[in-house]
Amino acid sequence: MKHVTFSRRGFMRRCAALAAASGLPLWFIERQLAAAEAPAAKKPSPNDRPGFALIGCGGQGTGDSRNAANWGDLVAVCDVDAKRAAETAAKLTPEGKPAPKIYSDFRRVLERPDVHALVNGTPDHWHTLVNLGAARAKKDVYAEKPLTLTIDEGRRLVREVKQSGIVLQTGTQQRSSQRFRLACELVRNARIGKLLSADVWLPAGLREGPFATAPVPEELNWDFWLGPAPFTAYVPQRCHKTFRFWFEYSGGTMTDWGAHHNDIAYWAIGLVAPREVSARVLAEPIPGGYTTFSDYEVNYTYANGVRLNIHTTRDDNPNGGKVVADGQRNGIRFDGTHGWIWVNRDTIKASDPEILKTPLPENAVKLPVSKNHMENFFDCMKSRQAPICDVETGHRSATMCHLGAIAMRTGRALTWDWDAEKFTGAHAAEGNAHLARELRAPYDYSFVG
């Protein structure tokens, strides 16, 4: 009996310490730790670690691969920039271990039988072709967000992944955050009453230009980097880190940071997609410069009447005039008939502390749990279960972002049919023109078999 009492006291001390450090309520920490007390899975032996490859050696892909190395062995890296590939291979080679082999064409990586999974860290305009190639080669894939460049690509990818049976985890890692899951569970269980609106604040994008062309660096295969996008002369600002500010390759902060926070709003609201979307562009791109919009507002309306509003913020202007907890920027606020919840990667707060402190009942709606996004992926590789952000979830999450970008590009209020996945009603033709893109040959859907 004394042993049980001592263990309980130790458990409570750990819970209290974690609650104080994280800002999460004690009851929630207790629930998480109690679930974690179940017997842990055996640590994989050296012979039980799957081989994986990194495709796209930028900062995000490199970070993902470092994380993935906790559960698998990196056997190959691939990038169309030879210098970047070599540097990344050197960075990711463990002491005393063989270096991963370097490739410039990801299709050759897919041919290797010792590659069981991919980390897809390519720019957005390459996401779909690499993911399709992985599905056709029966390789599981950790796919960076946003999952696709267009809504049409998403539907194609969902079909292919389901037919192939591979595991695909979308890299929207906030789904594996206790803080965001708590916020969504509280909203789903009407802790703030009936949900009326959600407001998302995203960092503003870049508004720069015009840019001059330059000689292509010797180490870069520029044609392959462009891939399915239209050919254009080399401009340094189009490549690598700032690719996300060109509609040819990405969607600006709407699909970059938006892929994270919009996904959490989608999780909390609990409906597949909005019915209506409109947008207001607050700053037009500079001719000859970045083509995505830097400052904007996007407004969605759901079938249940909930409004979702997206705002961009800069350090020198307020959050669209709306007061948020502690003046925080870059996060999500849920407003209901009985209070509000504010959450971002650093904190969770509420209009009344009891909203967070009062435990949810045992019969409450509980959302899927993942303590680590990459670990969840590797666990699902073994179990063949769906990961917390599977292909359908990733597609629907990306669709929210694409709808906002389309509303900005058309300047129209649009109506979305989420079953047919197309616009209907007024201005539908203008919106539907942005659902797909023409892929430049030979980098079309036949490029990956």
Foldseek 3Di string as FASTA:
>chain_A
DVVVVVVVVVLLVVLVVVCVVQVFASVLSSVVVVVVPPDDDDQDDPVRAAEAEEEAQAPVSLVLVVVLVSRHHHAEYEDLQQVSQVVSQVVPADPPHDTHHYYHDCLVVLPDPRHQEYEYPAFQQCQLLSLLLCLVSNHAYAGEPLNHLFLVSLVVSVVSCVVSLHAYHYPLWCLQPSQLQLQLLLLLQCLQNPWAEKEFEWAFFDADDQFDADDDDPRHPVCVSLFFFDDDGHTPCCDGPNVQLASSGHATRLGPLVLRQLLSVCSNVVDLAFFKKAKDQPDQHDVNHRHHGGWIKMWTAHPVGYIYIYGHDDPPDAGVPDDDPPSDGGWMWIHHPRWIWTDDPRHIDIPDVCSRHPDDDPPGDHADHHNGSSVQSVVCNVVSDHGSCTSSSSSSSSVRSLQRSLNVVVNDIWGADVVVGFTDDPPRVSSRVRNDDGTDPPSDSVVSD
